[in-house]
Amino acid sequence: MTELLFREDAYLTHATARITAVGDGVIELDRTVFYPLGGGQPGDRGWLETEGGQRIEVIDTRKGASYDRIEHRLAPGAPALQVGQAVKLELDWPRRHRLMKLHTALHVMSCVVVAPVTGGNIGEDRARLDFDIDMSQLDAAHIERETNALIARAVTTETIWITDEEMDSRPDLVKTMSVQPPRGAGRVRLLRIEGIDLQPCGGTHVRNIGEIGGIRVLRIRNEGKHNKRVEIALA
């Protein structure tokens, strides 16, 4: 089991940990600040440092055999590591913070384009949501203006938890048709932006939407009968 430190503090960039499993170019740790690929958000990158001062690059982070096991994928040629070995963790913070801002921006934009979300993805410098909506209802200038108006309100975000049973009784909370709420621990994690948004999400987000700064709508295109894609970047 990996203690998911980013669940409680997405701004934690350093930590100490012990190796619990070693594979081919992959290790697991008893605790981590690295977010694993999931929900459209890329896995984190960064570095490990051994007690002997060896600095090893983490090139990707993925979910392991169960929801509470995290695999840290190491750069080719990394030195051999041992179970029980202590390491220091260092997150590639500029990259993570950019992903956090894009991820939170998608939450805000989903409150401007009011339609079922059929897909989404966050990249290094841009992000997108797909909506089940008629193309005639999507206007880039309107989406950009209204999303930025909400961002300018600088509302604090909050993580809250509800039980699986409460989640089952509130299907209206789920906007994303293609991704189910993160489960497995008997409770579901929600992101609340007071007066703007409330939905299940296991990703990392900024503390205040004002940190996003603003967005630009890069393009809107038709990806199929039920998929109209809105792609954005940070302003």
C-alpha atoms as a PDB file:
ATOM      1  CA  MET A   1       0.000   0.000   0.000  1.00  0.00           C
ATOM      2  CA  THR A   2       1.271   3.480  -0.900  1.00  0.00           C
ATOM      3  CA  GLU A   3       0.286   6.442   1.258  1.00  0.00           C
ATOM      4  CA  LEU A   4      -0.968   9.040  -1.225  1.00  0.00           C
ATOM      5  CA  LEU A   5       0.427  12.268   0.189  1.00  0.00           C
ATOM      6  CA  PHE A   6      -0.849  14.319  -2.761  1.00  0.00           C
ATOM      7  CA  ARG A   7      -4.414  13.468  -1.734  1.00  0.00           C
ATOM      8  CA  GLU A   8      -4.076  15.647   1.364  1.00  0.00           C
ATOM      9  CA  ASP A   9      -1.647  18.254   0.035  1.00  0.00           C
ATOM     10  CA  ALA A  10      -1.229  18.755  -3.708  1.00  0.00           C
ATOM     11  CA  TYR A  11       1.474  21.366  -2.986  1.00  0.00           C
ATOM     12  CA  LEU A  12       3.807  18.927  -1.247  1.00  0.00           C
ATOM     13  CA  THR A  13       6.903  18.697  -3.448  1.00  0.00           C
ATOM     14  CA  HIS A  14       9.348  16.745  -1.269  1.00  0.00           C
ATOM     15  CA  ALA A  15       9.071  13.743   1.028  1.00  0.00           C
ATOM     16  CA  THR A  16      11.032  10.778   2.321  1.00  0.00           C
ATOM     17  CA  ALA A  17       9.935   7.209   1.636  1.00  0.00           C
ATOM     18  CA  ARG A  18      11.040   3.583   1.646  1.00  0.00           C
ATOM     19  CA  ILE A  19      10.988   1.224  -1.296  1.00  0.00           C
ATOM     20  CA  THR A  20       8.421  -1.558  -0.896  1.00  0.00           C
ATOM     21  CA  ALA A  21       8.739  -3.326  -4.254  1.00  0.00           C
ATOM     22  CA  VAL A  22      11.232  -3.410  -7.121  1.00  0.00           C
ATOM     23  CA  GLY A  23      10.509  -4.462 -10.718  1.00  0.00           C
ATOM     24  CA  ASP A  24      11.989  -3.984 -14.154  1.00  0.00           C
ATOM     25  CA  GLY A  25      12.582  -0.239 -14.216  1.00  0.00           C
ATOM     26  CA  VAL A  26       9.771   0.263 -11.703  1.00  0.00           C
ATOM     27  CA  ILE A  27       9.610   0.719  -7.940  1.00  0.00           C
ATOM     28  CA  GLU A  28       6.837   1.089  -5.388  1.00  0.00           C
ATOM     29  CA  LEU A  29       7.101   3.203  -2.257  1.00  0.00           C
ATOM     30  CA  ASP A  30       5.385   3.253   1.119  1.00  0.00           C
ATOM     31  CA  ARG A  31       4.410   6.905   0.495  1.00  0.00           C
ATOM     32  CA  THR A  32       4.578   9.294  -2.432  1.00  0.00           C
ATOM     33  CA  VAL A  33       4.010  12.836  -3.638  1.00  0.00           C
ATOM     34  CA  PHE A  34       3.771  11.596  -7.256  1.00  0.00           C
ATOM     35  CA  TYR A  35       0.277  11.516  -8.794  1.00  0.00           C
ATOM     36  CA  PRO A  36      -0.315   8.477 -11.059  1.00  0.00           C
ATOM     37  CA  LEU A  37      -1.836   8.694 -14.531  1.00  0.00           C
ATOM     38  CA  GLY A  38      -5.622   8.755 -14.219  1.00  0.00           C
ATOM     39  CA  GLY A  39      -8.773  10.709 -14.933  1.00  0.00           C
ATOM     40  CA  GLY A  40      -7.164  12.309 -17.965  1.00  0.00           C
ATOM     41  CA  GLN A  41      -4.288  13.750 -15.920  1.00  0.00           C
ATOM     42  CA  PRO A  42      -0.733  12.591 -16.749  1.00  0.00           C
ATOM     43  CA  GLY A  43       1.426  10.852 -14.185  1.00  0.00           C
ATOM     44  CA  ASP A  44       3.958  12.991 -12.358  1.00  0.00           C
ATOM     45  CA  ARG A  45       7.678  13.166 -13.015  1.00  0.00           C
ATOM     46  CA  GLY A  46      10.553  14.067 -10.769  1.00  0.00           C
ATOM     47  CA  TRP A  47      13.525  12.532  -8.991  1.00  0.00           C
ATOM     48  CA  LEU A  48      14.561  10.107  -6.270  1.00  0.00           C
ATOM     49  CA  GLU A  49      17.738  10.542  -4.252  1.00  0.00           C
ATOM     50  CA  THR A  50      19.328   7.667  -2.364  1.00  0.00           C
ATOM     51  CA  GLU A  51      21.144   7.993   0.944  1.00  0.00           C
ATOM     52  CA  GLY A  52      24.372   7.635  -1.042  1.00  0.00           C
ATOM     53  CA  GLY A  53      23.507  10.725  -3.083  1.00  0.00           C
ATOM     54  CA  GLN A  54      22.476   8.985  -6.317  1.00  0.00           C
ATOM     55  CA  ARG A  55      19.864  11.066  -8.161  1.00  0.00           C
ATOM     56  CA  ILE A  56      17.446   9.004 -10.265  1.00  0.00           C
ATOM     57  CA  GLU A  57      14.857  10.400 -12.638  1.00  0.00           C
ATOM     58  CA  VAL A  58      11.209   9.315 -12.367  1.00  0.00           C
ATOM     59  CA  ILE A  59       9.869   9.543 -15.926  1.00  0.00           C
ATOM     60  CA  ASP A  60       6.263   8.491 -15.241  1.00  0.00           C
ATOM     61  CA  THR A  61       3.926   7.399 -12.460  1.00  0.00           C
ATOM     62  CA  ARG A  62       1.166   4.825 -12.924  1.00  0.00           C
ATOM     63  CA  LYS A  63      -1.376   2.933 -10.819  1.00  0.00           C
ATOM     64  CA  GLY A  64      -0.256  -0.522  -9.793  1.00  0.00           C
ATOM     65  CA  ALA A  65      -2.143  -3.769  -9.283  1.00  0.00           C
ATOM     66  CA  SER A  66      -4.650  -2.057  -6.972  1.00  0.00           C
ATOM     67  CA  TYR A  67      -5.830   1.504  -6.348  1.00  0.00           C
ATOM     68  CA  ASP A  68      -3.494   1.894  -3.351  1.00  0.00           C
ATOM     69  CA  ARG A  69      -0.320   0.754  -5.124  1.00  0.00           C
ATOM     70  CA  ILE A  70       1.653   3.247  -7.195  1.00  0.00           C
ATOM     71  CA  GLU A  71       4.391   2.397  -9.679  1.00  0.00           C
ATOM     72  CA  HIS A  72       7.212   4.894 -10.193  1.00  0.00           C
ATOM     73  CA  ARG A  73       8.839   4.326 -13.572  1.00  0.00           C
ATOM     74  CA  LEU A  74      12.544   5.100 -13.641  1.00  0.00           C
ATOM     75  CA  ALA A  75      14.707   6.423 -16.458  1.00  0.00           C
ATOM     76  CA  PRO A  76      16.566   3.757 -18.480  1.00  0.00           C
ATOM     77  CA  GLY A  77      19.889   2.836 -16.935  1.00  0.00           C
ATOM     78  CA  ALA A  78      18.820   3.665 -13.382  1.00  0.00           C
ATOM     79  CA  PRO A  79      20.975   1.958 -10.715  1.00  0.00           C
ATOM     80  CA  ALA A  80      19.669  -1.123  -8.917  1.00  0.00           C
ATOM     81  CA  LEU A  81      17.540  -0.343  -5.869  1.00  0.00           C
ATOM     82  CA  GLN A  82      16.538  -2.566  -2.971  1.00  0.00           C
ATOM     83  CA  VAL A  83      13.358  -3.159  -0.986  1.00  0.00           C
ATOM     84  CA  GLY A  84      13.613  -1.315   2.327  1.00  0.00           C
ATOM     85  CA  GLN A  85      15.954   1.314   0.944  1.00  0.00           C
ATOM     86  CA  ALA A  86      15.242   4.923   2.007  1.00  0.00           C
ATOM     87  CA  VAL A  87      14.935   7.592  -0.668  1.00  0.00           C
ATOM     88  CA  LYS A  88      14.099  11.272  -0.891  1.00  0.00           C
ATOM     89  CA  LEU A  89      11.389  12.312  -3.356  1.00  0.00           C
ATOM     90  CA  GLU A  90      11.399  15.506  -5.383  1.00  0.00           C
ATOM     91  CA  LEU A  91       8.480  16.397  -7.631  1.00  0.00           C
ATOM     92  CA  ASP A  92       8.885  18.242 -10.934  1.00  0.00           C
ATOM     93  CA  TRP A  93       6.812  21.082  -9.488  1.00  0.00           C
ATOM     94  CA  PRO A  94       6.598  23.515 -12.442  1.00  0.00           C
ATOM     95  CA  ARG A  95       5.150  20.714 -14.597  1.00  0.00           C
ATOM     96  CA  ARG A  96       2.728  19.534 -11.878  1.00  0.00           C
ATOM     97  CA  HIS A  97       1.528  23.053 -11.095  1.00  0.00           C
ATOM     98  CA  ARG A  98       0.815  23.644 -14.786  1.00  0.00           C
ATOM     99  CA  LEU A  99      -1.203  20.411 -14.905  1.00  0.00           C
ATOM    100  CA  MET A 100      -3.071  21.429 -11.745  1.00  0.00           C
ATOM    101  CA  LYS A 101      -4.036  24.757 -13.287  1.00  0.00           C
ATOM    102  CA  LEU A 102      -5.215  23.123 -16.514  1.00  0.00           C
ATOM    103  CA  HIS A 103      -7.143  20.453 -14.613  1.00  0.00           C
ATOM    104  CA  THR A 104      -8.927  22.986 -12.423  1.00  0.00           C
ATOM    105  CA  ALA A 105      -9.640  25.150 -15.476  1.00  0.00           C
ATOM    106  CA  LEU A 106     -11.518  22.230 -17.030  1.00  0.00           C
ATOM    107  CA  HIS A 107     -13.708  22.049 -13.921  1.00  0.00           C
ATOM    108  CA  VAL A 108     -14.543  25.728 -14.315  1.00  0.00           C
ATOM    109  CA  MET A 109     -15.162  25.455 -18.057  1.00  0.00           C
ATOM    110  CA  SER A 110     -17.553  22.537 -17.471  1.00  0.00           C
ATOM    111  CA  CYS A 111     -19.783  25.025 -15.659  1.00  0.00           C
ATOM    112  CA  VAL A 112     -19.867  27.315 -18.691  1.00  0.00           C
ATOM    113  CA  VAL A 113     -20.597  24.594 -21.240  1.00  0.00           C
ATOM    114  CA  VAL A 114     -23.530  22.900 -19.555  1.00  0.00           C
ATOM    115  CA  ALA A 115     -23.709  19.491 -21.222  1.00  0.00           C
ATOM    116  CA  PRO A 116     -22.688  15.893 -20.499  1.00  0.00           C
ATOM    117  CA  VAL A 117     -18.912  15.470 -20.668  1.00  0.00           C
ATOM    118  CA  THR A 118     -17.972  12.537 -22.906  1.00  0.00           C
ATOM    119  CA  GLY A 119     -14.198  12.722 -22.503  1.00  0.00           C
ATOM    120  CA  GLY A 120     -11.270  14.812 -21.440  1.00  0.00           C
ATOM    121  CA  ASN A 121      -7.511  14.970 -21.372  1.00  0.00           C
ATOM    122  CA  ILE A 122      -4.748  17.140 -19.935  1.00  0.00           C
ATOM    123  CA  GLY A 123      -1.482  17.581 -21.797  1.00  0.00           C
ATOM    124  CA  GLU A 124       1.769  19.362 -21.063  1.00  0.00           C
ATOM    125  CA  ASP A 125       0.525  22.746 -22.280  1.00  0.00           C
ATOM    126  CA  ARG A 126      -3.132  22.305 -23.208  1.00  0.00           C
ATOM    127  CA  ALA A 127      -6.261  20.449 -22.157  1.00  0.00           C
ATOM    128  CA  ARG A 128      -9.637  19.567 -23.604  1.00  0.00           C
ATOM    129  CA  LEU A 129     -13.131  18.420 -22.771  1.00  0.00           C
ATOM    130  CA  ASP A 130     -15.551  16.676 -25.117  1.00  0.00           C
ATOM    131  CA  PHE A 131     -19.248  17.454 -24.778  1.00  0.00           C
ATOM    132  CA  ASP A 132     -22.441  15.839 -25.992  1.00  0.00           C
ATOM    133  CA  ILE A 133     -23.869  19.052 -27.417  1.00  0.00           C
ATOM    134  CA  ASP A 134     -24.755  20.582 -30.747  1.00  0.00           C
ATOM    135  CA  MET A 135     -21.905  22.491 -32.390  1.00  0.00           C
ATOM    136  CA  SER A 136     -24.162  25.497 -32.865  1.00  0.00           C
ATOM    137  CA  GLN A 137     -24.194  25.996 -29.074  1.00  0.00           C
ATOM    138  CA  LEU A 138     -20.417  26.289 -28.769  1.00  0.00           C
ATOM    139  CA  ASP A 139     -18.894  29.720 -29.242  1.00  0.00           C
ATOM    140  CA  ALA A 140     -15.190  30.107 -28.484  1.00  0.00           C
ATOM    141  CA  ALA A 141     -15.364  33.777 -27.496  1.00  0.00           C
ATOM    142  CA  HIS A 142     -18.268  33.134 -25.125  1.00  0.00           C
ATOM    143  CA  ILE A 143     -16.620  30.111 -23.490  1.00  0.00           C
ATOM    144  CA  GLU A 144     -13.345  31.969 -23.029  1.00  0.00           C
ATOM    145  CA  ARG A 145     -14.986  35.113 -21.670  1.00  0.00           C
ATOM    146  CA  GLU A 146     -17.307  33.347 -19.217  1.00  0.00           C
ATOM    147  CA  THR A 147     -14.670  30.884 -17.996  1.00  0.00           C
ATOM    148  CA  ASN A 148     -12.242  33.725 -17.342  1.00  0.00           C
ATOM    149  CA  ALA A 149     -14.956  35.675 -15.541  1.00  0.00           C
ATOM    150  CA  LEU A 150     -15.409  32.752 -13.141  1.00  0.00           C
ATOM    151  CA  ILE A 151     -11.644  32.371 -12.695  1.00  0.00           C
ATOM    152  CA  ALA A 152     -11.404  36.075 -11.851  1.00  0.00           C
ATOM    153  CA  ARG A 153     -13.694  35.481  -8.863  1.00  0.00           C
ATOM    154  CA  ALA A 154     -10.701  33.754  -7.206  1.00  0.00           C
ATOM    155  CA  VAL A 155     -12.781  31.192  -5.311  1.00  0.00           C
ATOM    156  CA  THR A 156     -11.044  28.745  -2.987  1.00  0.00           C
ATOM    157  CA  THR A 157     -11.290  25.063  -3.878  1.00  0.00           C
ATOM    158  CA  GLU A 158     -12.059  22.397  -1.298  1.00  0.00           C
ATOM    159  CA  THR A 159     -11.732  18.632  -1.179  1.00  0.00           C
ATOM    160  CA  ILE A 160     -14.577  16.804   0.528  1.00  0.00           C
ATOM    161  CA  TRP A 161     -15.401  13.119   0.905  1.00  0.00           C
ATOM    162  CA  ILE A 162     -18.694  11.253   0.761  1.00  0.00           C
ATOM    163  CA  THR A 163     -19.438   7.555   1.181  1.00  0.00           C
ATOM    164  CA  ASP A 164     -20.011   5.233  -1.759  1.00  0.00           C
ATOM    165  CA  GLU A 165     -23.655   5.034  -0.700  1.00  0.00           C
ATOM    166  CA  GLU A 166     -24.008   8.815  -0.754  1.00  0.00           C
ATOM    167  CA  MET A 167     -22.403   8.857  -4.202  1.00  0.00           C
ATOM    168  CA  ASP A 168     -24.880   6.266  -5.445  1.00  0.00           C
ATOM    169  CA  SER A 169     -27.735   8.470  -4.233  1.00  0.00           C
ATOM    170  CA  ARG A 170     -26.358  11.548  -6.046  1.00  0.00           C
ATOM    171  CA  PRO A 171     -25.858  10.531  -9.697  1.00  0.00           C
ATOM    172  CA  ASP A 172     -26.357  14.210 -10.619  1.00  0.00           C
ATOM    173  CA  LEU A 173     -22.842  14.921  -9.313  1.00  0.00           C
ATOM    174  CA  VAL A 174     -21.236  12.964 -12.138  1.00  0.00           C
ATOM    175  CA  LYS A 175     -20.639  15.074 -15.250  1.00  0.00           C
ATOM    176  CA  THR A 176     -18.116  12.862 -17.017  1.00  0.00           C
ATOM    177  CA  MET A 177     -19.759   9.962 -18.787  1.00  0.00           C
ATOM    178  CA  SER A 178     -16.482   8.279 -19.792  1.00  0.00           C
ATOM    179  CA  VAL A 179     -14.809   8.248 -16.367  1.00  0.00           C
ATOM    180  CA  GLN A 180     -16.378   6.795 -13.248  1.00  0.00           C
ATOM    181  CA  PRO A 181     -15.778   8.425  -9.835  1.00  0.00           C
ATOM    182  CA  PRO A 182     -12.631   7.125  -8.074  1.00  0.00           C
ATOM    183  CA  ARG A 183     -13.659   4.311  -5.759  1.00  0.00           C
ATOM    184  CA  GLY A 184     -12.102   1.480  -3.816  1.00  0.00           C
ATOM    185  CA  ALA A 185     -11.751   2.908  -0.317  1.00  0.00           C
ATOM    186  CA  GLY A 186     -15.444   3.040   0.628  1.00  0.00           C
ATOM    187  CA  ARG A 187     -15.595   6.772   0.028  1.00  0.00           C
ATOM    188  CA  VAL A 188     -15.454   9.134  -2.949  1.00  0.00           C
ATOM    189  CA  ARG A 189     -13.423  12.315  -3.237  1.00  0.00           C
ATOM    190  CA  LEU A 190     -15.161  15.460  -4.514  1.00  0.00           C
ATOM    191  CA  LEU A 191     -13.814  18.825  -5.577  1.00  0.00           C
ATOM    192  CA  ARG A 192     -15.946  21.774  -4.519  1.00  0.00           C
ATOM    193  CA  ILE A 193     -15.563  25.269  -5.931  1.00  0.00           C
ATOM    194  CA  GLU A 194     -18.119  27.102  -3.825  1.00  0.00           C
ATOM    195  CA  GLY A 195     -20.942  28.516  -5.921  1.00  0.00           C
ATOM    196  CA  ILE A 196     -19.412  27.164  -9.122  1.00  0.00           C
ATOM    197  CA  ASP A 197     -18.790  23.412  -9.193  1.00  0.00           C
ATOM    198  CA  LEU A 198     -19.071  20.183  -7.208  1.00  0.00           C
ATOM    199  CA  GLN A 199     -18.111  16.847  -8.770  1.00  0.00           C
ATOM    200  CA  PRO A 200     -16.127  13.673  -8.082  1.00  0.00           C
ATOM    201  CA  CYS A 201     -12.450  13.924  -8.969  1.00  0.00           C
ATOM    202  CA  GLY A 202      -9.308  12.160  -7.816  1.00  0.00           C
ATOM    203  CA  GLY A 203      -6.876  14.576  -9.471  1.00  0.00           C
ATOM    204  CA  THR A 204      -4.800  17.455  -8.167  1.00  0.00           C
ATOM    205  CA  HIS A 205      -6.101  21.030  -8.209  1.00  0.00           C
ATOM    206  CA  VAL A 206      -5.020  24.535  -7.299  1.00  0.00           C
ATOM    207  CA  ARG A 207      -6.059  25.925  -3.924  1.00  0.00           C
ATOM    208  CA  ASN A 208      -7.755  28.929  -5.490  1.00  0.00           C
ATOM    209  CA  ILE A 209      -9.022  29.182  -9.056  1.00  0.00           C
ATOM    210  CA  GLY A 210      -7.433  32.627  -9.300  1.00  0.00           C
ATOM    211  CA  GLU A 211      -4.081  30.810  -9.632  1.00  0.00           C
ATOM    212  CA  ILE A 212      -5.155  29.671 -13.104  1.00  0.00           C
ATOM    213  CA  GLY A 213      -4.778  33.238 -14.324  1.00  0.00           C
ATOM    214  CA  GLY A 214      -7.021  32.711 -17.325  1.00  0.00           C
ATOM    215  CA  ILE A 215      -7.513  30.473 -20.340  1.00  0.00           C
ATOM    216  CA  ARG A 216      -7.570  30.739 -24.114  1.00  0.00           C
ATOM    217  CA  VAL A 217      -9.860  28.601 -26.259  1.00  0.00           C
ATOM    218  CA  LEU A 218      -7.560  27.179 -28.928  1.00  0.00           C
ATOM    219  CA  ARG A 219     -10.182  25.475 -31.071  1.00  0.00           C
ATOM    220  CA  ILE A 220     -13.561  23.784 -31.148  1.00  0.00           C
ATOM    221  CA  ARG A 221     -14.095  20.836 -33.441  1.00  0.00           C
ATOM    222  CA  ASN A 222     -16.515  18.042 -34.204  1.00  0.00           C
ATOM    223  CA  GLU A 223     -15.208  14.642 -33.072  1.00  0.00           C
ATOM    224  CA  GLY A 224     -18.417  12.718 -33.753  1.00  0.00           C
ATOM    225  CA  LYS A 225     -22.128  12.716 -33.089  1.00  0.00           C
ATOM    226  CA  HIS A 226     -21.747  12.898 -29.308  1.00  0.00           C
ATOM    227  CA  ASN A 227     -18.289  14.480 -29.068  1.00  0.00           C
ATOM    228  CA  LYS A 228     -17.720  18.176 -29.608  1.00  0.00           C
ATOM    229  CA  ARG A 229     -14.213  19.065 -28.427  1.00  0.00           C
ATOM    230  CA  VAL A 230     -13.194  22.300 -26.742  1.00  0.00           C
ATOM    231  CA  GLU A 231      -9.420  22.665 -26.419  1.00  0.00           C
ATOM    232  CA  ILE A 232      -7.866  25.258 -24.126  1.00  0.00           C
ATOM    233  CA  ALA A 233      -4.482  26.543 -22.983  1.00  0.00           C
ATOM    234  CA  LEU A 234      -3.455  28.782 -20.119  1.00  0.00           C
ATOM    235  CA  ALA A 235      -3.581  32.458 -21.023  1.00  0.00           C
END
